[in-house]
């Protein structure tokens, strides 16, 4: 089953078990910045972490998506600078300099999974916590730890 699917020039990551969408990458062309320069941005919507925007070398990330190599996409996502945004208003930034990765990705399997197949447990409160995940093959990883953000 294809994990990276191109849909009208944008990309989706699909669960390797059931095919459900787990993340998406959407290109928005010609976004105007304060200096009146227009740039292309990529919006990344993740399963758990939210929606992020980057204009930091979107062509490199897009090339990794075209090649459909999920491990290289994960590496590219981790190397770029991201801003957390409101999905309905990508110009509105919640947090600057975020470093997400593919939260639905298992490093050992080199597969992505949906919420039903990637068992996620949260520890903490509404103000910060840790999310741990286990893939269907029993591989465990910490998905995010925002206990230090408060």
Foldseek 3Di string as FASTA:
>chain_A
DQQWDDDPNWIFGAAPPPRHTFKIKDKDFQDQDPVRGTAIKIWIQGNPDAIKIFRFPVVCLSVCSVVSQLVVNQVVQQPGWIFHADPVDRVHGDGGRDRAGRLQADPVVSGGHHCVFWPWDWDDDPQWTWIKTAGNVGDIDTRDGCPVVD
